[in-house]
PDB file of N, CA and C in Angstrom:
ATOM      1  N   UNK A   1     129.969 144.799 142.357  1.00  0.00           N
ATOM      2  CA  UNK A   1     129.149 143.638 142.154  1.00  0.00           C
ATOM      3  C   UNK A   1     128.517 143.736 140.765  1.00  0.00           C
ATOM      4  N   UNK A   2     128.337 142.591 140.141  1.00  0.00           N
ATOM      5  CA  UNK A   2     127.747 142.551 138.811  1.00  0.00           C
ATOM      6  C   UNK A   2     126.253 142.830 138.883  1.00  0.00           C
ATOM      7  N   UNK A   3     125.752 143.469 137.840  1.00  0.00           N
ATOM      8  CA  UNK A   3     124.328 143.760 137.774  1.00  0.00           C
ATOM      9  C   UNK A   3     123.601 142.613 137.080  1.00  0.00           C
ATOM     10  N   UNK A   4     122.333 142.523 137.324  1.00  0.00           N
ATOM     11  CA  UNK A   4     121.534 141.458 136.747  1.00  0.00           C
ATOM     12  C   UNK A   4     121.516 141.578 135.228  1.00  0.00           C
ATOM     13  N   UNK A   5     121.808 140.473 134.555  1.00  0.00           N
ATOM     14  CA  UNK A   5     121.786 140.457 133.104  1.00  0.00           C
ATOM     15  C   UNK A   5     123.062 140.958 132.452  1.00  0.00           C
ATOM     16  N   UNK A   6     124.086 141.266 133.223  1.00  0.00           N
ATOM     17  CA  UNK A   6     125.323 141.801 132.680  1.00  0.00           C
ATOM     18  C   UNK A   6     126.085 140.713 131.931  1.00  0.00           C
ATOM     19  N   UNK A   7     126.628 141.064 130.767  1.00  0.00           N
ATOM     20  CA  UNK A   7     127.418 140.131 129.973  1.00  0.00           C
ATOM     21  C   UNK A   7     128.894 140.383 130.252  1.00  0.00           C
ATOM     22  N   UNK A   8     129.631 139.311 130.466  1.00  0.00           N
ATOM     23  CA  UNK A   8     131.045 139.432 130.765  1.00  0.00           C
ATOM     24  C   UNK A   8     131.885 139.128 129.535  1.00  0.00           C
ATOM     25  N   UNK A   9     133.022 139.783 129.455  1.00  0.00           N
ATOM     26  CA  UNK A   9     133.928 139.581 128.347  1.00  0.00           C
ATOM     27  C   UNK A   9     134.796 138.355 128.612  1.00  0.00           C
ATOM     28  N   UNK A  10     134.861 137.437 127.645  1.00  0.00           N
ATOM     29  CA  UNK A  10     135.673 136.232 127.785  1.00  0.00           C
ATOM     30  C   UNK A  10     136.984 136.445 127.050  1.00  0.00           C
ATOM     31  N   UNK A  11     138.080 136.189 127.739  1.00  0.00           N
ATOM     32  CA  UNK A  11     139.410 136.384 127.168  1.00  0.00           C
ATOM     33  C   UNK A  11     139.994 135.010 126.893  1.00  0.00           C
ATOM     34  N   UNK A  12     140.420 134.770 125.649  1.00  0.00           N
ATOM     35  CA  UNK A  12     140.933 133.450 125.311  1.00  0.00           C
ATOM     36  C   UNK A  12     142.368 133.268 125.819  1.00  0.00           C
ATOM     37  N   UNK A  13     142.823 132.039 125.797  1.00  0.00           N
ATOM     38  CA  UNK A  13     144.121 131.666 126.367  1.00  0.00           C
ATOM     39  C   UNK A  13     145.268 132.343 125.614  1.00  0.00           C
ATOM     40  N   UNK A  14     145.153 132.457 124.295  1.00  0.00           N
ATOM     41  CA  UNK A  14     146.231 133.058 123.509  1.00  0.00           C
ATOM     42  C   UNK A  14     146.444 134.525 123.886  1.00  0.00           C
ATOM     43  N   UNK A  15     145.345 135.245 124.129  1.00  0.00           N
ATOM     44  CA  UNK A  15     145.459 136.646 124.519  1.00  0.00           C
ATOM     45  C   UNK A  15     146.095 136.773 125.901  1.00  0.00           C
ATOM     46  N   UNK A  16     145.713 135.900 126.826  1.00  0.00           N
ATOM     47  CA  UNK A  16     146.306 135.933 128.163  1.00  0.00           C
ATOM     48  C   UNK A  16     147.793 135.619 128.099  1.00  0.00           C
ATOM     49  N   UNK A  17     148.176 134.679 127.240  1.00  0.00           N
ATOM     50  CA  UNK A  17     149.580 134.333 127.071  1.00  0.00           C
ATOM     51  C   UNK A  17     150.365 135.523 126.521  1.00  0.00           C
ATOM     52  N   UNK A  18     149.800 136.220 125.534  1.00  0.00           N
ATOM     53  CA  UNK A  18     150.457 137.395 124.959  1.00  0.00           C
ATOM     54  C   UNK A  18     150.590 138.513 125.992  1.00  0.00           C
ATOM     55  N   UNK A  19     149.570 138.707 126.830  1.00  0.00           N
ATOM     56  CA  UNK A  19     149.617 139.735 127.867  1.00  0.00           C
ATOM     57  C   UNK A  19     150.753 139.438 128.843  1.00  0.00           C
ATOM     58  N   UNK A  20     150.869 138.189 129.290  1.00  0.00           N
ATOM     59  CA  UNK A  20     151.922 137.824 130.243  1.00  0.00           C
ATOM     60  C   UNK A  20     153.307 137.911 129.619  1.00  0.00           C
ATOM     61  N   UNK A  21     153.432 137.538 128.358  1.00  0.00           N
ATOM     62  CA  UNK A  21     154.736 137.642 127.682  1.00  0.00           C
ATOM     63  C   UNK A  21     155.188 139.097 127.615  1.00  0.00           C
ATOM     64  N   UNK A  22     154.252 139.983 127.252  1.00  0.00           N
ATOM     65  CA  UNK A  22     154.612 141.402 127.161  1.00  0.00           C
ATOM     66  C   UNK A  22     155.061 141.960 128.508  1.00  0.00           C
ATOM     67  N   UNK A  23     154.412 141.527 129.574  1.00  0.00           N
ATOM     68  CA  UNK A  23     154.726 142.096 130.882  1.00  0.00           C
ATOM     69  C   UNK A  23     155.990 141.482 131.488  1.00  0.00           C
ATOM     70  N   UNK A  24     156.098 140.157 131.481  1.00  0.00           N
ATOM     71  CA  UNK A  24     157.186 139.500 132.186  1.00  0.00           C
ATOM     72  C   UNK A  24     158.455 139.358 131.351  1.00  0.00           C
ATOM     73  N   UNK A  25     158.354 139.348 130.028  1.00  0.00           N
ATOM     74  CA  UNK A  25     159.549 139.202 129.192  1.00  0.00           C
ATOM     75  C   UNK A  25     159.978 140.513 128.546  1.00  0.00           C
ATOM     76  N   UNK A  26     159.007 141.333 128.128  1.00  0.00           N
ATOM     77  CA  UNK A  26     159.327 142.605 127.476  1.00  0.00           C
ATOM     78  C   UNK A  26     159.232 143.789 128.424  1.00  0.00           C
ATOM     79  N   UNK A  27     158.794 143.544 129.660  1.00  0.00           N
ATOM     80  CA  UNK A  27     158.737 144.545 130.737  1.00  0.00           C
ATOM     81  C   UNK A  27     157.880 145.760 130.381  1.00  0.00           C
ATOM     82  N   UNK A  28     156.738 145.533 129.746  1.00  0.00           N
ATOM     83  CA  UNK A  28     155.804 146.621 129.468  1.00  0.00           C
ATOM     84  C   UNK A  28     154.918 146.843 130.696  1.00  0.00           C
ATOM     85  N   UNK A  29     154.592 148.094 131.004  1.00  0.00           N
ATOM     86  CA  UNK A  29     153.739 148.366 132.168  1.00  0.00           C
ATOM     87  C   UNK A  29     152.287 147.959 131.923  1.00  0.00           C
ATOM     88  N   UNK A  30     151.566 147.787 133.032  1.00  0.00           N
ATOM     89  CA  UNK A  30     150.167 147.346 132.974  1.00  0.00           C
ATOM     90  C   UNK A  30     149.287 148.313 132.201  1.00  0.00           C
ATOM     91  N   UNK A  31     149.524 149.610 132.372  1.00  0.00           N
ATOM     92  CA  UNK A  31     148.666 150.612 131.738  1.00  0.00           C
ATOM     93  C   UNK A  31     148.756 150.547 130.215  1.00  0.00           C
ATOM     94  N   UNK A  32     149.949 150.341 129.675  1.00  0.00           N
ATOM     95  CA  UNK A  32     150.128 150.247 128.217  1.00  0.00           C
ATOM     96  C   UNK A  32     149.441 148.991 127.691  1.00  0.00           C
ATOM     97  N   UNK A  33     149.602 147.880 128.406  1.00  0.00           N
ATOM     98  CA  UNK A  33     149.004 146.616 127.974  1.00  0.00           C
ATOM     99  C   UNK A  33     147.481 146.725 127.996  1.00  0.00           C
ATOM    100  N   UNK A  34     146.920 147.361 129.035  1.00  0.00           N
ATOM    101  CA  UNK A  34     145.469 147.481 129.113  1.00  0.00           C
ATOM    102  C   UNK A  34     144.915 148.343 127.980  1.00  0.00           C
ATOM    103  N   UNK A  35     145.648 149.361 127.573  1.00  0.00           N
ATOM    104  CA  UNK A  35     145.200 150.196 126.454  1.00  0.00           C
ATOM    105  C   UNK A  35     145.317 149.444 125.129  1.00  0.00           C
ATOM    106  N   UNK A  36     146.398 148.679 124.942  1.00  0.00           N
ATOM    107  CA  UNK A  36     146.597 147.944 123.690  1.00  0.00           C
ATOM    108  C   UNK A  36     145.523 146.885 123.468  1.00  0.00           C
ATOM    109  N   UNK A  37     145.127 146.186 124.531  1.00  0.00           N
ATOM    110  CA  UNK A  37     144.152 145.108 124.416  1.00  0.00           C
ATOM    111  C   UNK A  37     142.729 145.561 124.733  1.00  0.00           C
ATOM    112  N   UNK A  38     142.565 146.831 125.090  1.00  0.00           N
ATOM    113  CA  UNK A  38     141.255 147.409 125.411  1.00  0.00           C
ATOM    114  C   UNK A  38     140.581 146.641 126.549  1.00  0.00           C
ATOM    115  N   UNK A  39     141.342 146.424 127.620  1.00  0.00           N
ATOM    116  CA  UNK A  39     140.862 145.723 128.816  1.00  0.00           C
ATOM    117  C   UNK A  39     141.003 146.636 130.024  1.00  0.00           C
ATOM    118  N   UNK A  40     140.163 146.468 131.038  1.00  0.00           N
ATOM    119  CA  UNK A  40     140.355 147.217 132.273  1.00  0.00           C
ATOM    120  C   UNK A  40     141.658 146.797 132.956  1.00  0.00           C
ATOM    121  N   UNK A  41     142.295 147.724 133.637  1.00  0.00           N
ATOM    122  CA  UNK A  41     143.574 147.434 134.280  1.00  0.00           C
ATOM    123  C   UNK A  41     143.417 146.386 135.378  1.00  0.00           C
ATOM    124  N   UNK A  42     142.262 146.322 136.018  1.00  0.00           N
ATOM    125  CA  UNK A  42     142.020 145.308 137.035  1.00  0.00           C
ATOM    126  C   UNK A  42     142.024 143.901 136.450  1.00  0.00           C
ATOM    127  N   UNK A  43     141.510 143.751 135.245  1.00  0.00           N
ATOM    128  CA  UNK A  43     141.514 142.450 134.571  1.00  0.00           C
ATOM    129  C   UNK A  43     142.940 142.032 134.247  1.00  0.00           C
ATOM    130  N   UNK A  44     143.739 142.969 133.786  1.00  0.00           N
ATOM    131  CA  UNK A  44     145.137 142.670 133.463  1.00  0.00           C
ATOM    132  C   UNK A  44     145.891 142.260 134.731  1.00  0.00           C
ATOM    133  N   UNK A  45     145.647 142.955 135.831  1.00  0.00           N
ATOM    134  CA  UNK A  45     146.304 142.596 137.092  1.00  0.00           C
ATOM    135  C   UNK A  45     145.871 141.212 137.571  1.00  0.00           C
ATOM    136  N   UNK A  46     144.593 140.876 137.364  1.00  0.00           N
ATOM    137  CA  UNK A  46     144.108 139.552 137.751  1.00  0.00           C
ATOM    138  C   UNK A  46     144.800 138.465 136.950  1.00  0.00           C
ATOM    139  N   UNK A  47     145.004 138.698 135.662  1.00  0.00           N
ATOM    140  CA  UNK A  47     145.726 137.734 134.819  1.00  0.00           C
ATOM    141  C   UNK A  47     147.144 137.551 135.335  1.00  0.00           C
ATOM    142  N   UNK A  48     147.820 138.645 135.705  1.00  0.00           N
ATOM    143  CA  UNK A  48     149.186 138.560 136.237  1.00  0.00           C
ATOM    144  C   UNK A  48     149.212 137.792 137.552  1.00  0.00           C
ATOM    145  N   UNK A  49     148.273 138.094 138.456  1.00  0.00           N
ATOM    146  CA  UNK A  49     148.249 137.429 139.758  1.00  0.00           C
ATOM    147  C   UNK A  49     147.972 135.937 139.621  1.00  0.00           C
ATOM    148  N   UNK A  50     147.053 135.564 138.732  1.00  0.00           N
ATOM    149  CA  UNK A  50     146.781 134.148 138.518  1.00  0.00           C
ATOM    150  C   UNK A  50     148.000 133.434 137.957  1.00  0.00           C
ATOM    151  N   UNK A  51     148.736 134.110 137.074  1.00  0.00           N
ATOM    152  CA  UNK A  51     149.942 133.502 136.511  1.00  0.00           C
ATOM    153  C   UNK A  51     151.029 133.338 137.585  1.00  0.00           C
ATOM    154  N   UNK A  52     151.210 134.368 138.417  1.00  0.00           N
ATOM    155  CA  UNK A  52     152.231 134.308 139.474  1.00  0.00           C
ATOM    156  C   UNK A  52     151.932 133.211 140.489  1.00  0.00           C
ATOM    157  N   UNK A  53     150.651 133.014 140.805  1.00  0.00           N
ATOM    158  CA  UNK A  53     150.267 131.994 141.775  1.00  0.00           C
ATOM    159  C   UNK A  53     150.316 130.592 141.185  1.00  0.00           C
ATOM    160  N   UNK A  54     150.435 130.490 139.865  1.00  0.00           N
ATOM    161  CA  UNK A  54     150.539 129.187 139.227  1.00  0.00           C
ATOM    162  C   UNK A  54     149.211 128.585 138.820  1.00  0.00           C
ATOM    163  N   UNK A  55     148.140 129.389 138.740  1.00  0.00           N
ATOM    164  CA  UNK A  55     146.836 128.860 138.369  1.00  0.00           C
ATOM    165  C   UNK A  55     146.702 128.608 136.872  1.00  0.00           C
ATOM    166  N   UNK A  56     147.547 129.212 136.065  1.00  0.00           N
ATOM    167  CA  UNK A  56     147.439 129.046 134.621  1.00  0.00           C
ATOM    168  C   UNK A  56     146.435 130.019 134.029  1.00  0.00           C
ATOM    169  N   UNK A  57     145.988 129.709 132.823  1.00  0.00           N
ATOM    170  CA  UNK A  57     145.119 130.625 132.099  1.00  0.00           C
ATOM    171  C   UNK A  57     143.715 130.075 131.882  1.00  0.00           C
ATOM    172  N   UNK A  58     143.388 128.937 132.475  1.00  0.00           N
ATOM    173  CA  UNK A  58     142.076 128.358 132.258  1.00  0.00           C
ATOM    174  C   UNK A  58     141.046 129.021 133.159  1.00  0.00           C
ATOM    175  N   UNK A  59     139.788 128.904 132.761  1.00  0.00           N
ATOM    176  CA  UNK A  59     138.703 129.423 133.588  1.00  0.00           C
ATOM    177  C   UNK A  59     138.513 128.493 134.766  1.00  0.00           C
ATOM    178  N   UNK A  60     138.094 129.047 135.876  1.00  0.00           N
ATOM    179  CA  UNK A  60     137.974 128.268 137.101  1.00  0.00           C
ATOM    180  C   UNK A  60     136.541 127.834 137.398  1.00  0.00           C
ATOM    181  N   UNK A  61     135.589 128.237 136.576  1.00  0.00           N
ATOM    182  CA  UNK A  61     134.199 127.874 136.836  1.00  0.00           C
ATOM    183  C   UNK A  61     134.008 126.378 136.625  1.00  0.00           C
ATOM    184  N   UNK A  62     133.260 125.758 137.503  1.00  0.00           N
ATOM    185  CA  UNK A  62     132.950 124.350 137.379  1.00  0.00           C
ATOM    186  C   UNK A  62     134.004 123.434 137.971  1.00  0.00           C
ATOM    187  N   UNK A  63     135.005 123.985 138.647  1.00  0.00           N
ATOM    188  CA  UNK A  63     136.050 123.172 139.264  1.00  0.00           C
ATOM    189  C   UNK A  63     135.652 122.892 140.708  1.00  0.00           C
ATOM    190  N   UNK A  64     135.803 121.648 141.143  1.00  0.00           N
ATOM    191  CA  UNK A  64     135.427 121.276 142.500  1.00  0.00           C
ATOM    192  C   UNK A  64     136.274 122.023 143.518  1.00  0.00           C
ATOM    193  N   UNK A  65     135.691 122.292 144.675  1.00  0.00           N
ATOM    194  CA  UNK A  65     136.430 122.949 145.741  1.00  0.00           C
ATOM    195  C   UNK A  65     137.519 122.009 146.246  1.00  0.00           C
ATOM    196  N   UNK A  66     138.676 122.570 146.503  1.00  0.00           N
ATOM    197  CA  UNK A  66     139.782 121.780 147.017  1.00  0.00           C
ATOM    198  C   UNK A  66     140.603 121.123 145.923  1.00  0.00           C
ATOM    199  N   UNK A  67     140.180 121.241 144.663  1.00  0.00           N
ATOM    200  CA  UNK A  67     140.929 120.656 143.567  1.00  0.00           C
ATOM    201  C   UNK A  67     142.148 121.524 143.281  1.00  0.00           C
ATOM    202  N   UNK A  68     143.316 120.939 143.317  1.00  0.00           N
ATOM    203  CA  UNK A  68     144.559 121.675 143.077  1.00  0.00           C
ATOM    204  C   UNK A  68     145.027 121.432 141.653  1.00  0.00           C
ATOM    205  N   UNK A  69     145.225 122.514 140.924  1.00  0.00           N
ATOM    206  CA  UNK A  69     145.774 122.400 139.574  1.00  0.00           C
ATOM    207  C   UNK A  69     147.284 122.452 139.659  1.00  0.00           C
ATOM    208  N   UNK A  70     147.916 121.761 138.739  1.00  0.00           N
ATOM    209  CA  UNK A  70     149.370 121.844 138.754  1.00  0.00           C
ATOM    210  C   UNK A  70     149.785 123.187 138.147  1.00  0.00           C
ATOM    211  N   UNK A  71     150.863 123.786 138.652  1.00  0.00           N
ATOM    212  CA  UNK A  71     151.308 125.096 138.164  1.00  0.00           C
ATOM    213  C   UNK A  71     151.655 125.046 136.672  1.00  0.00           C
ATOM    214  N   UNK A  72     151.358 126.122 135.959  1.00  0.00           N
ATOM    215  CA  UNK A  72     151.618 126.227 134.529  1.00  0.00           C
ATOM    216  C   UNK A  72     152.544 127.416 134.320  1.00  0.00           C
ATOM    217  N   UNK A  73     153.541 127.243 133.467  1.00  0.00           N
ATOM    218  CA  UNK A  73     154.440 128.345 133.149  1.00  0.00           C
ATOM    219  C   UNK A  73     154.309 128.695 131.665  1.00  0.00           C
ATOM    220  N   UNK A  74     154.934 129.800 131.254  1.00  0.00           N
ATOM    221  CA  UNK A  74     154.886 130.222 129.860  1.00  0.00           C
ATOM    222  C   UNK A  74     155.574 129.202 128.960  1.00  0.00           C
ATOM    223  N   UNK A  75     156.595 128.534 129.436  1.00  0.00           N
ATOM    224  CA  UNK A  75     157.324 127.554 128.638  1.00  0.00           C
ATOM    225  C   UNK A  75     156.444 126.339 128.342  1.00  0.00           C
ATOM    226  N   UNK A  76     155.582 125.976 129.289  1.00  0.00           N
ATOM    227  CA  UNK A  76     154.697 124.829 129.094  1.00  0.00           C
ATOM    228  C   UNK A  76     153.686 125.072 127.972  1.00  0.00           C
ATOM    229  N   UNK A  77     153.233 126.315 127.817  1.00  0.00           N
ATOM    230  CA  UNK A  77     152.209 126.636 126.829  1.00  0.00           C
ATOM    231  C   UNK A  77     152.795 126.935 125.468  1.00  0.00           C
ATOM    232  N   UNK A  78     154.052 127.282 125.376  1.00  0.00           N
ATOM    233  CA  UNK A  78     154.675 127.624 124.101  1.00  0.00           C
ATOM    234  C   UNK A  78     155.036 126.394 123.317  1.00  0.00           C
TER     235      UNK A  78
END
């Protein structure tokens, strides 16, 4: 659980796109990618899971409950 006053790291869309390209197209393991981008491995796995489920790379805060986003692929963003 987050502590009071904790600041979270915001990852931009371009970085998330590069992370997914390295993993799904160049077949790099999660541990190497997390070290290269200086991110926790759990964050990298969350990015992969969101991409696999089709949520895309946008932040989900402020989205109404029950709102379905259309699936996004790497080809759509390139």
